[in-house]
Amino acid sequence: MSEKGKMSPDGMKKNAETDRLAMELALREAYEAAAAGETPVGAVLMCEGQIIATAHNRREEKNDITSHAEIEVLRRAGEVKGDWRLSACTLYVTLEPCPMCAGAILAARVGRVVYGAKDATAGAMGSVLNLPRYPLGAHPTVEGGLLEDECREVLQSFFRRRRKRK
């Protein structure tokens, strides 16, 4: 079977073109976050081929440490779907989720997670920790490295600019 329409281990359809377009949308969210002075991380949640929610970091805006892109997108998706269970969904995020976000993703039962850049400091889906391996009930398919260079660059350029200002 070709990559298009290939089934992932969790039974969800994979489509390389859809994955790329969704990650490009997550990158747009990351650039929007950077423009607002937020750490540039963006997220998109797709359910059954439809974009349900998009979000980016809003910690500075809300003065809320939990306002990471992943938490924001899960909140919005729950409102849209009228359900916190997101097992038929794929989460696209520009940076590997941290432990807090990975825990929320598992609690929401997201079926598949696709991230761009690894987080060597706080990554909790394979880099530093691997929370999906813990016996917490949910075991999403996790794939990293989609548009990795672009996802890493938005973060690196943001922090380079920030260091120059100081």
C-alpha atoms as a PDB file:
ATOM      1  CA  MET A   1       0.000   0.000   0.000  1.00  0.00           C
ATOM      2  CA  SER A   2       1.330   3.481  -0.785  1.00  0.00           C
ATOM      3  CA  GLU A   3       1.991   6.050   1.960  1.00  0.00           C
ATOM      4  CA  LYS A   4      -1.269   7.751   1.017  1.00  0.00           C
ATOM      5  CA  GLY A   5      -4.047   5.957   2.824  1.00  0.00           C
ATOM      6  CA  LYS A   6      -1.658   3.712   4.767  1.00  0.00           C
ATOM      7  CA  MET A   7      -2.970   2.588   8.140  1.00  0.00           C
ATOM      8  CA  SER A   8      -0.960   3.401  11.254  1.00  0.00           C
ATOM      9  CA  PRO A   9      -0.693   0.857  14.089  1.00  0.00           C
ATOM     10  CA  ASP A  10      -3.641   2.466  15.900  1.00  0.00           C
ATOM     11  CA  GLY A  11      -5.883   1.959  12.849  1.00  0.00           C
ATOM     12  CA  MET A  12      -5.938   5.636  11.874  1.00  0.00           C
ATOM     13  CA  LYS A  13      -5.388   6.523   8.231  1.00  0.00           C
ATOM     14  CA  LYS A  14      -2.127   8.224   7.416  1.00  0.00           C
ATOM     15  CA  ASN A  15      -1.745  10.566   4.530  1.00  0.00           C
ATOM     16  CA  ALA A  16       1.637  12.224   3.998  1.00  0.00           C
ATOM     17  CA  GLU A  17       0.122  15.216   2.184  1.00  0.00           C
ATOM     18  CA  THR A  18      -2.476  15.806   4.910  1.00  0.00           C
ATOM     19  CA  ASP A  19       0.212  15.459   7.581  1.00  0.00           C
ATOM     20  CA  ARG A  20       2.399  18.028   5.833  1.00  0.00           C
ATOM     21  CA  LEU A  21      -0.456  20.527   5.370  1.00  0.00           C
ATOM     22  CA  ALA A  22      -1.527  20.179   8.996  1.00  0.00           C
ATOM     23  CA  MET A  23       2.040  20.734  10.212  1.00  0.00           C
ATOM     24  CA  GLU A  24       2.365  23.784   7.956  1.00  0.00           C
ATOM     25  CA  LEU A  25      -0.762  25.154   9.640  1.00  0.00           C
ATOM     26  CA  ALA A  26       0.788  24.407  13.049  1.00  0.00           C
ATOM     27  CA  LEU A  27       3.884  26.320  11.899  1.00  0.00           C
ATOM     28  CA  ARG A  28       1.690  29.311  11.009  1.00  0.00           C
ATOM     29  CA  GLU A  29       0.338  29.161  14.552  1.00  0.00           C
ATOM     30  CA  ALA A  30       3.920  29.097  15.862  1.00  0.00           C
ATOM     31  CA  TYR A  31       4.786  32.219  13.849  1.00  0.00           C
ATOM     32  CA  GLU A  32       1.651  33.896  15.207  1.00  0.00           C
ATOM     33  CA  ALA A  33       2.811  33.055  18.732  1.00  0.00           C
ATOM     34  CA  ALA A  34       6.268  34.523  18.023  1.00  0.00           C
ATOM     35  CA  ALA A  35       4.693  37.734  16.710  1.00  0.00           C
ATOM     36  CA  ALA A  36       2.780  38.001  19.999  1.00  0.00           C
ATOM     37  CA  GLY A  37       5.949  37.482  22.047  1.00  0.00           C
ATOM     38  CA  GLU A  38       5.066  33.922  22.994  1.00  0.00           C
ATOM     39  CA  THR A  39       7.373  30.926  22.696  1.00  0.00           C
ATOM     40  CA  PRO A  40       6.617  29.867  19.103  1.00  0.00           C
ATOM     41  CA  VAL A  41       4.844  26.536  19.359  1.00  0.00           C
ATOM     42  CA  GLY A  42       1.748  25.810  17.307  1.00  0.00           C
ATOM     43  CA  ALA A  43      -0.729  22.950  17.301  1.00  0.00           C
ATOM     44  CA  VAL A  44      -3.512  21.594  15.088  1.00  0.00           C
ATOM     45  CA  LEU A  45      -6.009  18.864  15.931  1.00  0.00           C
ATOM     46  CA  MET A  46      -7.646  16.881  13.131  1.00  0.00           C
ATOM     47  CA  CYS A  47     -10.480  14.430  13.635  1.00  0.00           C
ATOM     48  CA  GLU A  48     -11.675  12.177  10.851  1.00  0.00           C
ATOM     49  CA  GLY A  49      -9.946  14.304   8.221  1.00  0.00           C
ATOM     50  CA  GLN A  50     -11.295  17.640   9.465  1.00  0.00           C
ATOM     51  CA  ILE A  51      -9.422  20.380  11.287  1.00  0.00           C
ATOM     52  CA  ILE A  52     -11.212  20.733  14.607  1.00  0.00           C
ATOM     53  CA  ALA A  53      -8.979  23.273  16.331  1.00  0.00           C
ATOM     54  CA  THR A  54      -5.778  25.283  15.981  1.00  0.00           C
ATOM     55  CA  ALA A  55      -3.824  27.052  18.711  1.00  0.00           C
ATOM     56  CA  HIS A  56      -0.475  28.381  19.850  1.00  0.00           C
ATOM     57  CA  ASN A  57       1.211  29.164  23.150  1.00  0.00           C
ATOM     58  CA  ARG A  58      -0.606  31.863  25.132  1.00  0.00           C
ATOM     59  CA  ARG A  59       1.191  31.732  28.496  1.00  0.00           C
ATOM     60  CA  GLU A  60       2.273  35.381  28.424  1.00  0.00           C
ATOM     61  CA  GLU A  61      -1.090  36.641  27.212  1.00  0.00           C
ATOM     62  CA  LYS A  62      -3.052  34.698  29.826  1.00  0.00           C
ATOM     63  CA  ASN A  63      -0.418  34.633  32.585  1.00  0.00           C
ATOM     64  CA  ASP A  64      -1.204  30.925  32.728  1.00  0.00           C
ATOM     65  CA  ILE A  65       1.578  28.355  32.768  1.00  0.00           C
ATOM     66  CA  THR A  66      -0.810  25.718  31.371  1.00  0.00           C
ATOM     67  CA  SER A  67      -1.549  27.703  28.210  1.00  0.00           C
ATOM     68  CA  HIS A  68       0.778  25.658  26.019  1.00  0.00           C
ATOM     69  CA  ALA A  69      -0.297  25.156  22.404  1.00  0.00           C
ATOM     70  CA  GLU A  70      -1.269  21.519  23.025  1.00  0.00           C
ATOM     71  CA  ILE A  71      -3.468  22.341  26.039  1.00  0.00           C
ATOM     72  CA  GLU A  72      -5.103  25.206  24.172  1.00  0.00           C
ATOM     73  CA  VAL A  73      -5.900  23.031  21.148  1.00  0.00           C
ATOM     74  CA  LEU A  74      -7.269  20.205  23.339  1.00  0.00           C
ATOM     75  CA  ARG A  75      -9.533  22.669  25.169  1.00  0.00           C
ATOM     76  CA  ARG A  76     -10.859  24.090  21.907  1.00  0.00           C
ATOM     77  CA  ALA A  77     -11.386  20.633  20.421  1.00  0.00           C
ATOM     78  CA  GLY A  78     -13.341  19.513  23.478  1.00  0.00           C
ATOM     79  CA  GLU A  79     -15.616  22.537  23.094  1.00  0.00           C
ATOM     80  CA  VAL A  80     -16.099  21.937  19.364  1.00  0.00           C
ATOM     81  CA  LYS A  81     -16.749  18.196  19.697  1.00  0.00           C
ATOM     82  CA  GLY A  82     -18.649  18.434  22.971  1.00  0.00           C
ATOM     83  CA  ASP A  83     -16.458  15.607  24.254  1.00  0.00           C
ATOM     84  CA  TRP A  84     -13.039  15.395  25.886  1.00  0.00           C
ATOM     85  CA  ARG A  85     -12.348  11.980  24.334  1.00  0.00           C
ATOM     86  CA  LEU A  86     -10.298  12.526  21.187  1.00  0.00           C
ATOM     87  CA  SER A  87      -9.296   8.986  20.238  1.00  0.00           C
ATOM     88  CA  ALA A  88     -10.156   9.419  16.558  1.00  0.00           C
ATOM     89  CA  CYS A  89      -7.943  12.502  16.310  1.00  0.00           C
ATOM     90  CA  THR A  90      -4.397  13.381  15.289  1.00  0.00           C
ATOM     91  CA  LEU A  91      -2.521  16.148  17.065  1.00  0.00           C
ATOM     92  CA  TYR A  92       0.124  18.025  15.084  1.00  0.00           C
ATOM     93  CA  VAL A  93       2.525  20.135  17.127  1.00  0.00           C
ATOM     94  CA  THR A  94       5.701  21.921  16.119  1.00  0.00           C
ATOM     95  CA  LEU A  95       7.651  20.871  19.237  1.00  0.00           C
ATOM     96  CA  GLU A  96       7.653  17.540  21.065  1.00  0.00           C
ATOM     97  CA  PRO A  97       5.196  17.815  23.979  1.00  0.00           C
ATOM     98  CA  CYS A  98       6.466  18.422  27.513  1.00  0.00           C
ATOM     99  CA  PRO A  99       5.374  16.156  30.419  1.00  0.00           C
ATOM    100  CA  MET A 100       2.334  18.331  31.241  1.00  0.00           C
ATOM    101  CA  CYS A 101       1.117  18.326  27.648  1.00  0.00           C
ATOM    102  CA  ALA A 102       1.926  14.651  27.118  1.00  0.00           C
ATOM    103  CA  GLY A 103      -0.166  13.840  30.194  1.00  0.00           C
ATOM    104  CA  ALA A 104      -3.085  15.874  28.839  1.00  0.00           C
ATOM    105  CA  ILE A 105      -2.765  14.200  25.437  1.00  0.00           C
ATOM    106  CA  LEU A 106      -2.892  10.773  27.080  1.00  0.00           C
ATOM    107  CA  ALA A 107      -5.826  11.798  29.283  1.00  0.00           C
ATOM    108  CA  ALA A 108      -7.717  13.008  26.193  1.00  0.00           C
ATOM    109  CA  ARG A 109      -6.957   9.667  24.524  1.00  0.00           C
ATOM    110  CA  VAL A 110      -5.609  11.316  21.365  1.00  0.00           C
ATOM    111  CA  GLY A 111      -4.981   8.496  18.892  1.00  0.00           C
ATOM    112  CA  ARG A 112      -1.971   9.885  17.070  1.00  0.00           C
ATOM    113  CA  VAL A 113       0.616  12.594  17.756  1.00  0.00           C
ATOM    114  CA  VAL A 114       2.870  14.049  15.051  1.00  0.00           C
ATOM    115  CA  TYR A 115       5.490  16.563  16.126  1.00  0.00           C
ATOM    116  CA  GLY A 116       8.161  18.530  14.311  1.00  0.00           C
ATOM    117  CA  ALA A 117      11.244  19.210  16.429  1.00  0.00           C
ATOM    118  CA  LYS A 118      12.452  17.102  19.331  1.00  0.00           C
ATOM    119  CA  ASP A 119      12.743  18.803  22.714  1.00  0.00           C
ATOM    120  CA  ALA A 120      16.048  17.648  24.208  1.00  0.00           C
ATOM    121  CA  THR A 121      15.282  19.506  27.438  1.00  0.00           C
ATOM    122  CA  ALA A 122      11.680  18.600  28.257  1.00  0.00           C
ATOM    123  CA  GLY A 123      10.402  16.251  25.543  1.00  0.00           C
ATOM    124  CA  ALA A 124       8.061  13.643  26.961  1.00  0.00           C
ATOM    125  CA  MET A 125       7.173  11.637  23.877  1.00  0.00           C
ATOM    126  CA  GLY A 126      10.485   9.944  23.219  1.00  0.00           C
ATOM    127  CA  SER A 127      13.362  12.363  23.834  1.00  0.00           C
ATOM    128  CA  VAL A 128      13.821  12.850  27.583  1.00  0.00           C
ATOM    129  CA  LEU A 129      10.786  10.867  28.740  1.00  0.00           C
ATOM    130  CA  ASN A 130       8.368   8.606  26.924  1.00  0.00           C
ATOM    131  CA  LEU A 131       5.061   8.952  28.767  1.00  0.00           C
ATOM    132  CA  PRO A 132       3.047   6.999  26.169  1.00  0.00           C
ATOM    133  CA  ARG A 133       4.993   3.891  27.268  1.00  0.00           C
ATOM    134  CA  TYR A 134       3.734   4.163  30.845  1.00  0.00           C
ATOM    135  CA  PRO A 135       0.687   2.015  31.659  1.00  0.00           C
ATOM    136  CA  LEU A 136      -1.725   4.942  31.756  1.00  0.00           C
ATOM    137  CA  GLY A 137      -4.364   3.416  29.501  1.00  0.00           C
ATOM    138  CA  ALA A 138      -3.866   5.464  26.331  1.00  0.00           C
ATOM    139  CA  HIS A 139      -1.119   4.603  23.853  1.00  0.00           C
ATOM    140  CA  PRO A 140      -1.129   7.002  20.910  1.00  0.00           C
ATOM    141  CA  THR A 141       0.982   6.452  17.848  1.00  0.00           C
ATOM    142  CA  VAL A 142       3.796   9.017  18.061  1.00  0.00           C
ATOM    143  CA  GLU A 143       5.774  10.227  15.051  1.00  0.00           C
ATOM    144  CA  GLY A 144       8.473  12.891  15.217  1.00  0.00           C
ATOM    145  CA  GLY A 145      10.478  14.840  12.696  1.00  0.00           C
ATOM    146  CA  LEU A 146       7.803  16.171  10.330  1.00  0.00           C
ATOM    147  CA  LEU A 147       9.116  19.485   8.952  1.00  0.00           C
ATOM    148  CA  GLU A 148      11.695  19.252  11.731  1.00  0.00           C
ATOM    149  CA  ASP A 149      14.087  21.859  10.305  1.00  0.00           C
ATOM    150  CA  GLU A 150      11.330  24.445   9.859  1.00  0.00           C
ATOM    151  CA  CYS A 151       9.931  23.769  13.323  1.00  0.00           C
ATOM    152  CA  ARG A 152      13.357  24.046  14.934  1.00  0.00           C
ATOM    153  CA  GLU A 153      14.207  27.220  13.002  1.00  0.00           C
ATOM    154  CA  VAL A 154      11.151  29.157  14.223  1.00  0.00           C
ATOM    155  CA  LEU A 155      12.185  28.403  17.812  1.00  0.00           C
ATOM    156  CA  GLN A 156      15.880  29.122  17.318  1.00  0.00           C
ATOM    157  CA  SER A 157      15.314  32.426  15.526  1.00  0.00           C
ATOM    158  CA  PHE A 158      12.839  33.532  18.229  1.00  0.00           C
ATOM    159  CA  PHE A 159      15.361  32.881  20.997  1.00  0.00           C
ATOM    160  CA  ARG A 160      18.226  34.453  19.000  1.00  0.00           C
ATOM    161  CA  ARG A 161      16.182  37.662  18.663  1.00  0.00           C
ATOM    162  CA  ARG A 162      15.276  37.555  22.347  1.00  0.00           C
ATOM    163  CA  ARG A 163      18.951  37.160  23.403  1.00  0.00           C
ATOM    164  CA  LYS A 164      19.979  40.078  21.165  1.00  0.00           C
ATOM    165  CA  ARG A 165      17.427  42.349  22.877  1.00  0.00           C
ATOM    166  CA  LYS A 166      18.878  41.553  26.288  1.00  0.00           C
END
